[in-house]
Each structure stands twice: as structure tokens, then as C-alpha cells.
C-alpha atoms as a PDB file:
ATOM      1  CA  UNK A   1     151.436 129.601  46.268  1.00  0.00           C
ATOM      2  CA  UNK A   2     148.602 128.536  48.543  1.00  0.00           C
ATOM      3  CA  UNK A   3     148.730 130.201  51.987  1.00  0.00           C
ATOM      4  CA  UNK A   4     149.252 127.839  54.907  1.00  0.00           C
ATOM      5  CA  UNK A   5     145.947 128.893  56.430  1.00  0.00           C
ATOM      6  CA  UNK A   6     144.059 127.798  53.315  1.00  0.00           C
ATOM      7  CA  UNK A   7     146.085 124.689  52.614  1.00  0.00           C
ATOM      8  CA  UNK A   8     144.246 121.428  53.409  1.00  0.00           C
ATOM      9  CA  UNK A   9     145.971 119.322  56.013  1.00  0.00           C
ATOM     10  CA  UNK A  10     145.431 115.817  57.218  1.00  0.00           C
ATOM     11  CA  UNK A  11     146.144 116.922  60.770  1.00  0.00           C
ATOM     12  CA  UNK A  12     143.507 119.648  60.760  1.00  0.00           C
ATOM     13  CA  UNK A  13     140.258 118.514  62.376  1.00  0.00           C
ATOM     14  CA  UNK A  14     136.911 119.752  61.124  1.00  0.00           C
ATOM     15  CA  UNK A  15     135.548 122.701  63.093  1.00  0.00           C
ATOM     16  CA  UNK A  16     132.759 121.849  65.493  1.00  0.00           C
ATOM     17  CA  UNK A  17     130.121 124.351  66.429  1.00  0.00           C
ATOM     18  CA  UNK A  18     128.087 124.394  69.581  1.00  0.00           C
ATOM     19  CA  UNK A  19     124.397 123.933  68.719  1.00  0.00           C
ATOM     20  CA  UNK A  20     123.562 126.593  71.319  1.00  0.00           C
ATOM     21  CA  UNK A  21     125.004 129.927  70.341  1.00  0.00           C
ATOM     22  CA  UNK A  22     126.167 132.339  72.991  1.00  0.00           C
ATOM     23  CA  UNK A  23     126.814 129.626  75.548  1.00  0.00           C
ATOM     24  CA  UNK A  24     129.743 130.885  77.585  1.00  0.00           C
ATOM     25  CA  UNK A  25     130.218 127.562  79.266  1.00  0.00           C
ATOM     26  CA  UNK A  26     130.641 125.612  76.048  1.00  0.00           C
ATOM     27  CA  UNK A  27     128.192 123.327  74.351  1.00  0.00           C
ATOM     28  CA  UNK A  28     125.093 122.636  76.386  1.00  0.00           C
ATOM     29  CA  UNK A  29     124.316 119.074  77.285  1.00  0.00           C
ATOM     30  CA  UNK A  30     121.397 117.479  75.561  1.00  0.00           C
ATOM     31  CA  UNK A  31     118.228 117.688  77.651  1.00  0.00           C
ATOM     32  CA  UNK A  32     116.651 114.669  79.273  1.00  0.00           C
ATOM     33  CA  UNK A  33     114.472 112.548  77.005  1.00  0.00           C
ATOM     34  CA  UNK A  34     110.858 113.658  76.821  1.00  0.00           C
ATOM     35  CA  UNK A  35     109.318 110.733  78.746  1.00  0.00           C
ATOM     36  CA  UNK A  36     111.888 111.046  81.547  1.00  0.00           C
ATOM     37  CA  UNK A  37     111.392 114.791  81.871  1.00  0.00           C
ATOM     38  CA  UNK A  38     107.625 114.297  81.868  1.00  0.00           C
ATOM     39  CA  UNK A  39     107.321 111.493  84.416  1.00  0.00           C
ATOM     40  CA  UNK A  40     110.280 112.129  86.733  1.00  0.00           C
ATOM     41  CA  UNK A  41     108.594 114.890  88.830  1.00  0.00           C
ATOM     42  CA  UNK A  42     105.519 112.696  89.356  1.00  0.00           C
ATOM     43  CA  UNK A  43     107.729 109.770  90.360  1.00  0.00           C
ATOM     44  CA  UNK A  44     109.534 111.993  92.880  1.00  0.00           C
ATOM     45  CA  UNK A  45     106.215 113.151  94.357  1.00  0.00           C
ATOM     46  CA  UNK A  46     104.942 109.582  94.674  1.00  0.00           C
ATOM     47  CA  UNK A  47     108.212 108.337  96.165  1.00  0.00           C
ATOM     48  CA  UNK A  48     108.272 111.153  98.726  1.00  0.00           C
ATOM     49  CA  UNK A  49     104.657 110.483  99.717  1.00  0.00           C
ATOM     50  CA  UNK A  50     105.390 106.760 100.027  1.00  0.00           C
ATOM     51  CA  UNK A  51     108.403 107.498 102.247  1.00  0.00           C
ATOM     52  CA  UNK A  52     106.331 109.714 104.542  1.00  0.00           C
ATOM     53  CA  UNK A  53     103.683 106.998 104.960  1.00  0.00           C
ATOM     54  CA  UNK A  54     106.284 104.254 105.409  1.00  0.00           C
ATOM     55  CA  UNK A  55     108.082 106.209 108.145  1.00  0.00           C
ATOM     56  CA  UNK A  56     104.818 107.237 109.784  1.00  0.00           C
ATOM     57  CA  UNK A  57     105.709 110.944 109.726  1.00  0.00           C
ATOM     58  CA  UNK A  58     102.156 111.892 108.751  1.00  0.00           C
ATOM     59  CA  UNK A  59     100.952 110.707 112.167  1.00  0.00           C
ATOM     60  CA  UNK A  60     102.704 113.659 113.797  1.00  0.00           C
ATOM     61  CA  UNK A  61     100.214 116.029 112.156  1.00  0.00           C
ATOM     62  CA  UNK A  62      97.336 115.320 114.526  1.00  0.00           C
ATOM     63  CA  UNK A  63      95.402 117.081 117.248  1.00  0.00           C
ATOM     64  CA  UNK A  64      96.831 114.645 119.767  1.00  0.00           C
ATOM     65  CA  UNK A  65     100.422 115.654 118.989  1.00  0.00           C
ATOM     66  CA  UNK A  66      99.559 119.346 118.845  1.00  0.00           C
ATOM     67  CA  UNK A  67      97.457 119.215 122.015  1.00  0.00           C
ATOM     68  CA  UNK A  68      99.995 117.266 124.074  1.00  0.00           C
ATOM     69  CA  UNK A  69     102.762 119.666 123.006  1.00  0.00           C
ATOM     70  CA  UNK A  70     100.638 122.807 123.068  1.00  0.00           C
ATOM     71  CA  UNK A  71     102.540 124.589 125.833  1.00  0.00           C
ATOM     72  CA  UNK A  72     105.942 123.747 124.304  1.00  0.00           C
ATOM     73  CA  UNK A  73     104.814 124.899 120.868  1.00  0.00           C
ATOM     74  CA  UNK A  74     103.479 128.184 122.225  1.00  0.00           C
ATOM     75  CA  UNK A  75     106.754 128.769 124.101  1.00  0.00           C
ATOM     76  CA  UNK A  76     108.804 128.127 120.950  1.00  0.00           C
ATOM     77  CA  UNK A  77     106.614 130.470 118.891  1.00  0.00           C
ATOM     78  CA  UNK A  78     106.941 133.182 121.527  1.00  0.00           C
ATOM     79  CA  UNK A  79     110.738 133.017 121.305  1.00  0.00           C
ATOM     80  CA  UNK A  80     111.073 132.388 117.543  1.00  0.00           C
ATOM     81  CA  UNK A  81     107.898 133.438 115.742  1.00  0.00           C
ATOM     82  CA  UNK A  82     109.474 133.869 112.277  1.00  0.00           C
ATOM     83  CA  UNK A  83     111.182 130.479 112.346  1.00  0.00           C
ATOM     84  CA  UNK A  84     108.071 128.740 113.631  1.00  0.00           C
ATOM     85  CA  UNK A  85     105.939 130.378 110.946  1.00  0.00           C
ATOM     86  CA  UNK A  86     108.421 129.293 108.254  1.00  0.00           C
ATOM     87  CA  UNK A  87     108.240 125.695 109.521  1.00  0.00           C
ATOM     88  CA  UNK A  88     104.447 125.872 109.480  1.00  0.00           C
ATOM     89  CA  UNK A  89     104.334 127.203 105.891  1.00  0.00           C
ATOM     90  CA  UNK A  90     106.875 124.670 104.565  1.00  0.00           C
ATOM     91  CA  UNK A  91     105.087 121.793 106.299  1.00  0.00           C
ATOM     92  CA  UNK A  92     101.767 122.918 104.834  1.00  0.00           C
ATOM     93  CA  UNK A  93     103.257 123.168 101.330  1.00  0.00           C
ATOM     94  CA  UNK A  94     104.697 119.657 101.611  1.00  0.00           C
ATOM     95  CA  UNK A  95     101.420 118.167 102.867  1.00  0.00           C
ATOM     96  CA  UNK A  96      99.406 119.699 100.028  1.00  0.00           C
ATOM     97  CA  UNK A  97     101.993 118.961  97.306  1.00  0.00           C
ATOM     98  CA  UNK A  98     102.304 115.320  98.424  1.00  0.00           C
ATOM     99  CA  UNK A  99      98.519 114.968  98.925  1.00  0.00           C
ATOM    100  CA  UNK A 100      98.961 113.867 102.532  1.00  0.00           C
ATOM    101  CA  UNK A 101      96.191 113.988 105.145  1.00  0.00           C
ATOM    102  CA  UNK A 102      96.367 116.747 107.713  1.00  0.00           C
ATOM    103  CA  UNK A 103      95.658 120.022 105.895  1.00  0.00           C
ATOM    104  CA  UNK A 104      92.533 120.688 107.956  1.00  0.00           C
ATOM    105  CA  UNK A 105      94.378 119.872 111.174  1.00  0.00           C
ATOM    106  CA  UNK A 106      97.162 122.285 110.228  1.00  0.00           C
ATOM    107  CA  UNK A 107      94.691 125.040 109.345  1.00  0.00           C
ATOM    108  CA  UNK A 108      93.043 124.753 112.750  1.00  0.00           C
ATOM    109  CA  UNK A 109      96.441 124.450 114.438  1.00  0.00           C
ATOM    110  CA  UNK A 110      97.639 127.575 112.655  1.00  0.00           C
ATOM    111  CA  UNK A 111      94.766 129.570 114.075  1.00  0.00           C
ATOM    112  CA  UNK A 112      95.321 128.013 117.492  1.00  0.00           C
ATOM    113  CA  UNK A 113      99.078 128.647 117.665  1.00  0.00           C
ATOM    114  CA  UNK A 114      99.566 131.872 115.698  1.00  0.00           C
ATOM    115  CA  UNK A 115      96.140 133.485 115.865  1.00  0.00           C
ATOM    116  CA  UNK A 116      93.895 133.737 112.829  1.00  0.00           C
ATOM    117  CA  UNK A 117      95.327 137.122 111.771  1.00  0.00           C
ATOM    118  CA  UNK A 118      98.704 135.520 111.031  1.00  0.00           C
ATOM    119  CA  UNK A 119      97.524 132.016 110.209  1.00  0.00           C
ATOM    120  CA  UNK A 120      95.004 133.105 107.553  1.00  0.00           C
ATOM    121  CA  UNK A 121      97.409 134.715 105.013  1.00  0.00           C
ATOM    122  CA  UNK A 122     100.159 132.197 105.775  1.00  0.00           C
ATOM    123  CA  UNK A 123      97.820 129.243 105.194  1.00  0.00           C
ATOM    124  CA  UNK A 124      96.351 130.684 101.984  1.00  0.00           C
ATOM    125  CA  UNK A 125      99.833 131.259 100.528  1.00  0.00           C
ATOM    126  CA  UNK A 126     101.075 127.830 101.631  1.00  0.00           C
ATOM    127  CA  UNK A 127      98.013 125.965 100.346  1.00  0.00           C
ATOM    128  CA  UNK A 128      98.109 127.787  97.001  1.00  0.00           C
ATOM    129  CA  UNK A 129     101.829 127.074  96.613  1.00  0.00           C
ATOM    130  CA  UNK A 130     101.491 123.380  97.438  1.00  0.00           C
ATOM    131  CA  UNK A 131      98.484 123.007  95.139  1.00  0.00           C
ATOM    132  CA  UNK A 132     100.367 124.736  92.318  1.00  0.00           C
ATOM    133  CA  UNK A 133     103.319 122.370  92.694  1.00  0.00           C
ATOM    134  CA  UNK A 134     101.042 119.327  92.425  1.00  0.00           C
ATOM    135  CA  UNK A 135      99.101 120.924  89.560  1.00  0.00           C
ATOM    136  CA  UNK A 136     102.242 121.591  87.509  1.00  0.00           C
ATOM    137  CA  UNK A 137     103.592 118.084  88.117  1.00  0.00           C
ATOM    138  CA  UNK A 138     100.277 116.442  87.198  1.00  0.00           C
ATOM    139  CA  UNK A 139      99.801 118.664  84.156  1.00  0.00           C
ATOM    140  CA  UNK A 140     103.276 117.938  82.757  1.00  0.00           C
ATOM    141  CA  UNK A 141     102.762 114.181  83.029  1.00  0.00           C
ATOM    142  CA  UNK A 142      99.128 113.107  83.223  1.00  0.00           C
ATOM    143  CA  UNK A 143      97.712 116.214  81.555  1.00  0.00           C
ATOM    144  CA  UNK A 144      99.929 116.054  78.491  1.00  0.00           C
ATOM    145  CA  UNK A 145      99.334 112.317  78.146  1.00  0.00           C
ATOM    146  CA  UNK A 146      95.564 112.819  78.343  1.00  0.00           C
ATOM    147  CA  UNK A 147      95.691 115.652  75.812  1.00  0.00           C
ATOM    148  CA  UNK A 148      97.644 113.491  73.368  1.00  0.00           C
ATOM    149  CA  UNK A 149      95.375 110.451  73.711  1.00  0.00           C
ATOM    150  CA  UNK A 150      92.013 112.031  74.492  1.00  0.00           C
ATOM    151  CA  UNK A 151      88.999 111.066  72.461  1.00  0.00           C
ATOM    152  CA  UNK A 152      86.427 113.525  71.111  1.00  0.00           C
ATOM    153  CA  UNK A 153      84.275 113.422  74.279  1.00  0.00           C
ATOM    154  CA  UNK A 154      87.194 114.196  76.578  1.00  0.00           C
ATOM    155  CA  UNK A 155      88.435 116.875  74.203  1.00  0.00           C
ATOM    156  CA  UNK A 156      85.022 118.583  74.281  1.00  0.00           C
ATOM    157  CA  UNK A 157      84.991 118.368  78.085  1.00  0.00           C
ATOM    158  CA  UNK A 158      88.429 119.989  78.256  1.00  0.00           C
ATOM    159  CA  UNK A 159      87.387 122.736  75.863  1.00  0.00           C
ATOM    160  CA  UNK A 160      84.154 123.454  77.738  1.00  0.00           C
ATOM    161  CA  UNK A 161      85.935 123.582  81.081  1.00  0.00           C
ATOM    162  CA  UNK A 162      88.660 125.871  79.767  1.00  0.00           C
ATOM    163  CA  UNK A 163      86.127 128.372  78.410  1.00  0.00           C
ATOM    164  CA  UNK A 164      84.908 129.166  81.958  1.00  0.00           C
ATOM    165  CA  UNK A 165      87.833 127.724  83.905  1.00  0.00           C
ATOM    166  CA  UNK A 166      87.917 130.393  86.617  1.00  0.00           C
ATOM    167  CA  UNK A 167      84.215 130.097  87.459  1.00  0.00           C
ATOM    168  CA  UNK A 168      84.312 126.298  87.506  1.00  0.00           C
ATOM    169  CA  UNK A 169      87.460 126.305  89.629  1.00  0.00           C
ATOM    170  CA  UNK A 170      85.982 128.773  92.102  1.00  0.00           C
ATOM    171  CA  UNK A 171      82.910 126.562  92.406  1.00  0.00           C
ATOM    172  CA  UNK A 172      85.021 123.474  93.106  1.00  0.00           C
ATOM    173  CA  UNK A 173      87.110 125.346  95.668  1.00  0.00           C
ATOM    174  CA  UNK A 174      84.210 126.992  97.472  1.00  0.00           C
ATOM    175  CA  UNK A 175      82.020 123.919  97.883  1.00  0.00           C
ATOM    176  CA  UNK A 176      83.654 121.698 100.558  1.00  0.00           C
ATOM    177  CA  UNK A 177      82.215 118.531  99.028  1.00  0.00           C
ATOM    178  CA  UNK A 178      85.132 118.163  96.600  1.00  0.00           C
ATOM    179  CA  UNK A 179      88.471 117.041  98.109  1.00  0.00           C
ATOM    180  CA  UNK A 180      91.308 119.513  97.674  1.00  0.00           C
ATOM    181  CA  UNK A 181      93.606 117.036  95.923  1.00  0.00           C
ATOM    182  CA  UNK A 182      90.811 116.021  93.524  1.00  0.00           C
ATOM    183  CA  UNK A 183      90.403 119.623  92.374  1.00  0.00           C
ATOM    184  CA  UNK A 184      94.164 119.973  91.860  1.00  0.00           C
ATOM    185  CA  UNK A 185      94.322 116.873  89.653  1.00  0.00           C
ATOM    186  CA  UNK A 186      91.074 117.617  87.799  1.00  0.00           C
ATOM    187  CA  UNK A 187      92.291 121.097  86.881  1.00  0.00           C
ATOM    188  CA  UNK A 188      95.558 119.628  85.580  1.00  0.00           C
ATOM    189  CA  UNK A 189      93.806 116.961  83.500  1.00  0.00           C
ATOM    190  CA  UNK A 190      91.323 119.449  82.049  1.00  0.00           C
ATOM    191  CA  UNK A 191      94.035 121.842  80.902  1.00  0.00           C
ATOM    192  CA  UNK A 192      93.351 124.835  83.144  1.00  0.00           C
ATOM    193  CA  UNK A 193      95.920 127.593  82.503  1.00  0.00           C
ATOM    194  CA  UNK A 194      98.467 128.058  85.276  1.00  0.00           C
ATOM    195  CA  UNK A 195      97.532 131.703  85.942  1.00  0.00           C
ATOM    196  CA  UNK A 196      93.843 130.812  86.158  1.00  0.00           C
ATOM    197  CA  UNK A 197      94.604 127.931  88.521  1.00  0.00           C
ATOM    198  CA  UNK A 198      96.616 130.136  90.887  1.00  0.00           C
ATOM    199  CA  UNK A 199      93.999 132.901  90.947  1.00  0.00           C
ATOM    200  CA  UNK A 200      91.097 130.464  91.340  1.00  0.00           C
ATOM    201  CA  UNK A 201      92.833 128.555  94.109  1.00  0.00           C
ATOM    202  CA  UNK A 202      93.935 131.664  95.996  1.00  0.00           C
ATOM    203  CA  UNK A 203      90.500 133.281  95.917  1.00  0.00           C
ATOM    204  CA  UNK A 204      88.501 130.066  96.246  1.00  0.00           C
ATOM    205  CA  UNK A 205      90.099 128.887  99.485  1.00  0.00           C
ATOM    206  CA  UNK A 206      89.816 132.216 101.331  1.00  0.00           C
ATOM    207  CA  UNK A 207      86.323 131.626 102.848  1.00  0.00           C
ATOM    208  CA  UNK A 208      87.014 128.088 104.061  1.00  0.00           C
ATOM    209  CA  UNK A 209      90.490 128.918 105.342  1.00  0.00           C
ATOM    210  CA  UNK A 210      89.181 131.960 107.181  1.00  0.00           C
ATOM    211  CA  UNK A 211      86.396 129.932 108.805  1.00  0.00           C
ATOM    212  CA  UNK A 212      88.725 127.185 110.043  1.00  0.00           C
ATOM    213  CA  UNK A 213      91.519 129.546 111.105  1.00  0.00           C
ATOM    214  CA  UNK A 214      89.077 131.560 113.210  1.00  0.00           C
ATOM    215  CA  UNK A 215      87.627 128.332 114.615  1.00  0.00           C
ATOM    216  CA  UNK A 216      91.131 127.115 115.462  1.00  0.00           C
ATOM    217  CA  UNK A 217      91.878 130.359 117.297  1.00  0.00           C
ATOM    218  CA  UNK A 218      88.973 129.562 119.620  1.00  0.00           C
ATOM    219  CA  UNK A 219      90.215 126.065 120.513  1.00  0.00           C
ATOM    220  CA  UNK A 220      92.665 127.199 123.183  1.00  0.00           C
ATOM    221  CA  UNK A 221      90.194 126.622 126.015  1.00  0.00           C
ATOM    222  CA  UNK A 222      89.178 123.250 124.528  1.00  0.00           C
ATOM    223  CA  UNK A 223      92.828 122.157 124.329  1.00  0.00           C
ATOM    224  CA  UNK A 224      93.484 123.287 127.911  1.00  0.00           C
ATOM    225  CA  UNK A 225      90.469 121.379 129.214  1.00  0.00           C
ATOM    226  CA  UNK A 226      91.387 118.247 127.271  1.00  0.00           C
ATOM    227  CA  UNK A 227      95.002 118.376 128.482  1.00  0.00           C
ATOM    228  CA  UNK A 228      93.859 118.689 132.107  1.00  0.00           C
ATOM    229  CA  UNK A 229      91.451 115.780 131.690  1.00  0.00           C
ATOM    230  CA  UNK A 230      94.120 113.673 129.963  1.00  0.00           C
ATOM    231  CA  UNK A 231      96.703 114.316 132.711  1.00  0.00           C
ATOM    232  CA  UNK A 232      94.174 113.471 135.398  1.00  0.00           C
ATOM    233  CA  UNK A 233      93.353 110.199 133.648  1.00  0.00           C
ATOM    234  CA  UNK A 234      97.053 109.290 133.403  1.00  0.00           C
ATOM    235  CA  UNK A 235      97.479 109.939 137.119  1.00  0.00           C
ATOM    236  CA  UNK A 236      94.519 107.677 137.962  1.00  0.00           C
ATOM    237  CA  UNK A 237      95.631 104.840 135.691  1.00  0.00           C
ATOM    238  CA  UNK A 238      99.344 105.013 136.434  1.00  0.00           C
ATOM    239  CA  UNK A 239     100.364 106.620 133.149  1.00  0.00           C
ATOM    240  CA  UNK A 240      98.505 104.015 131.116  1.00  0.00           C
ATOM    241  CA  UNK A 241      98.134 105.870 127.808  1.00  0.00           C
ATOM    242  CA  UNK A 242      96.014 103.087 126.309  1.00  0.00           C
ATOM    243  CA  UNK A 243      93.349 103.692 128.928  1.00  0.00           C
ATOM    244  CA  UNK A 244      93.468 107.451 128.394  1.00  0.00           C
ATOM    245  CA  UNK A 245      93.054 108.173 124.668  1.00  0.00           C
ATOM    246  CA  UNK A 246      93.508 111.793 123.671  1.00  0.00           C
ATOM    247  CA  UNK A 247      90.373 112.821 121.807  1.00  0.00           C
ATOM    248  CA  UNK A 248      89.341 116.176 120.465  1.00  0.00           C
ATOM    249  CA  UNK A 249      86.013 116.285 118.656  1.00  0.00           C
ATOM    250  CA  UNK A 250      86.186 118.755 115.778  1.00  0.00           C
ATOM    251  CA  UNK A 251      83.100 117.512 113.959  1.00  0.00           C
ATOM    252  CA  UNK A 252      81.089 120.337 115.497  1.00  0.00           C
ATOM    253  CA  UNK A 253      83.200 122.815 113.526  1.00  0.00           C
ATOM    254  CA  UNK A 254      81.677 121.636 110.223  1.00  0.00           C
ATOM    255  CA  UNK A 255      78.029 122.594 110.612  1.00  0.00           C
ATOM    256  CA  UNK A 256      75.209 122.331 108.102  1.00  0.00           C
ATOM    257  CA  UNK A 257      75.002 126.101 108.026  1.00  0.00           C
ATOM    258  CA  UNK A 258      78.688 126.371 107.116  1.00  0.00           C
ATOM    259  CA  UNK A 259      78.376 123.834 104.297  1.00  0.00           C
ATOM    260  CA  UNK A 260      75.259 125.614 103.023  1.00  0.00           C
ATOM    261  CA  UNK A 261      77.068 128.961 103.046  1.00  0.00           C
ATOM    262  CA  UNK A 262      79.930 127.530 100.994  1.00  0.00           C
ATOM    263  CA  UNK A 263      77.464 125.914  98.579  1.00  0.00           C
ATOM    264  CA  UNK A 264      75.751 129.270  98.038  1.00  0.00           C
ATOM    265  CA  UNK A 265      79.121 130.878  97.340  1.00  0.00           C
ATOM    266  CA  UNK A 266      79.801 128.126  94.799  1.00  0.00           C
ATOM    267  CA  UNK A 267      76.490 128.834  93.071  1.00  0.00           C
ATOM    268  CA  UNK A 268      77.406 132.511  92.885  1.00  0.00           C
ATOM    269  CA  UNK A 269      80.690 131.535  91.206  1.00  0.00           C
ATOM    270  CA  UNK A 270      78.727 129.711  88.494  1.00  0.00           C
ATOM    271  CA  UNK A 271      76.530 132.715  87.637  1.00  0.00           C
ATOM    272  CA  UNK A 272      78.957 133.935  84.901  1.00  0.00           C
ATOM    273  CA  UNK A 273      78.885 130.473  83.314  1.00  0.00           C
ATOM    274  CA  UNK A 274      75.085 130.364  83.300  1.00  0.00           C
ATOM    275  CA  UNK A 275      74.891 133.892  81.894  1.00  0.00           C
ATOM    276  CA  UNK A 276      77.358 133.059  79.138  1.00  0.00           C
ATOM    277  CA  UNK A 277      75.423 129.966  78.108  1.00  0.00           C
ATOM    278  CA  UNK A 278      72.111 131.866  78.226  1.00  0.00           C
ATOM    279  CA  UNK A 279      73.562 134.652  76.081  1.00  0.00           C
ATOM    280  CA  UNK A 280      74.963 132.178  73.534  1.00  0.00           C
ATOM    281  CA  UNK A 281      71.633 130.332  73.353  1.00  0.00           C
ATOM    282  CA  UNK A 282      69.652 133.515  72.730  1.00  0.00           C
ATOM    283  CA  UNK A 283      72.135 134.656  70.111  1.00  0.00           C
ATOM    284  CA  UNK A 284      71.693 131.389  68.231  1.00  0.00           C
ATOM    285  CA  UNK A 285      67.897 131.714  68.138  1.00  0.00           C
END
């Protein structure tokens, strides 16, 4: 006699196994298709940036807004320093990740409002975090697509850049000629490792961030003078804001000597690359 457990039955359904073993919650859902998973983060970034521009929120990150609200901002920071610093860091991360204008304004404002001792580490961490977010998004979409469809010339460029990625990245970060967002995207397209990108960004932005944070800390007297002049103008013109534009000239902060100093630091960062190429050339002779 065949035991009931071994007897075939029409009512017995075939056993189904979960493709993912050890899943306490049952069978895992199938992941998103490759193209969707690859391009969705980039689409979110672009949509968020478009929304910010459409709503005009980026206009609030300006010296005019900071200067006109300087006393109120200082009072809020005095009563809630941790909360204000968190807002500053999150705003900075969003601006860098979405490639919005205003990073330089925020760096100077950080030094002005918090003092350079607090603003310097907070800005470096925020800028590195925002750049890393954009780098990872660009690498997962544009970088992978370029790697899959790159020709021999582009492949050689990627390989050469990756061999000395840290030195090249430090050079691009130290020399203020290259826009911050350009370096983020270039590193993603050229296949820079994530760890190298974080280290190169963190170290490479320290000199420039320190210079602008310290400069921002010295703008308090400039802001006070400009606010007094602006209020006096409004009183003379009957609160006609069009006749009393709020202007704060920060072009003097970027001097030729400062740019030259950063360029020299960038050249120093390329010394390991030059030495490596010189050593390889002599070994081949």
C-alpha cells in the first residue's frame, strides 16, 4: 500500500520555492529593470533641480537675502545653533547635489554667520557629501553607459585617469578654474573609484573652503555698512527698493594671488603623476 503522503493527488499543487533563501518575509519582489534603476536617480535629480528653478527658490541663496536678514539670522543662531547648523549643512548638500548656483555664497555666509571655526568643517563635510551624491548618481547612469559604449580612445583616457585618479582629482579640486560640478561629473564619467573620489574631494576643497570661510568671517563690518547705507537710501526714496539695489561686491575676495596659490597647489598634486611617468619612461629605455 502506498502511503498517503507519497500518493499522487490531483488536488496537490506543486511546491514553490522562494528564489531568495532565508527570506523571512517570503519571496522577494523582483528588482526594478536595469534601465529604470540606472536612470531613475538622475531623473529625480534633474526634476528636483527643475522644480527649484521653476519656483525661484535658488534666488533666496544670495548676499542680498543674507544681508537684509543678517540680524534675524544671527539672533536665530544664538538661540538655536545646532538647528541652524543642520539647516546650513542640509541646504549646502542639496545645492551641491542638484548643481545649483550659490555654493560660494553659502561658504562665505557660513563664515559670516557661524565663524570660520565652525563653518570650515561643516562646509567641507556638506560639500563632500553633496558631491558624492551627484557622483554616484552620474556614475550609475552616465558612467556605466559611457563604459559600455566607449571607443578605444575614451577607454584609454579612462584607464590613464584611473591610474593616477587621486592626483588628477586633487589638481582639479585645488585649481579654481574648473567648476565644482564639472569635476563631479568628469570623475563619474572617467570611472574614478568612490573611495578615491571622497578622499580627493575632501582634501582638495580644504584650501579653497578655508580661504572663503575666513573671508566670510570678516564680512560682518561690510554687511553692517551696506545695511546702513541701504536703509538710508530707502528712507530718502520713500522705500523705493528699485532705486536702492542691495549690492555687495565680493570680486575683491578672489585675487590673482589667491588663484596663483591654488594653481601652485594643483601643480604639487601632479608631482606624483609626473614622477610615475618619468620612472616608467626610464624603465622602458
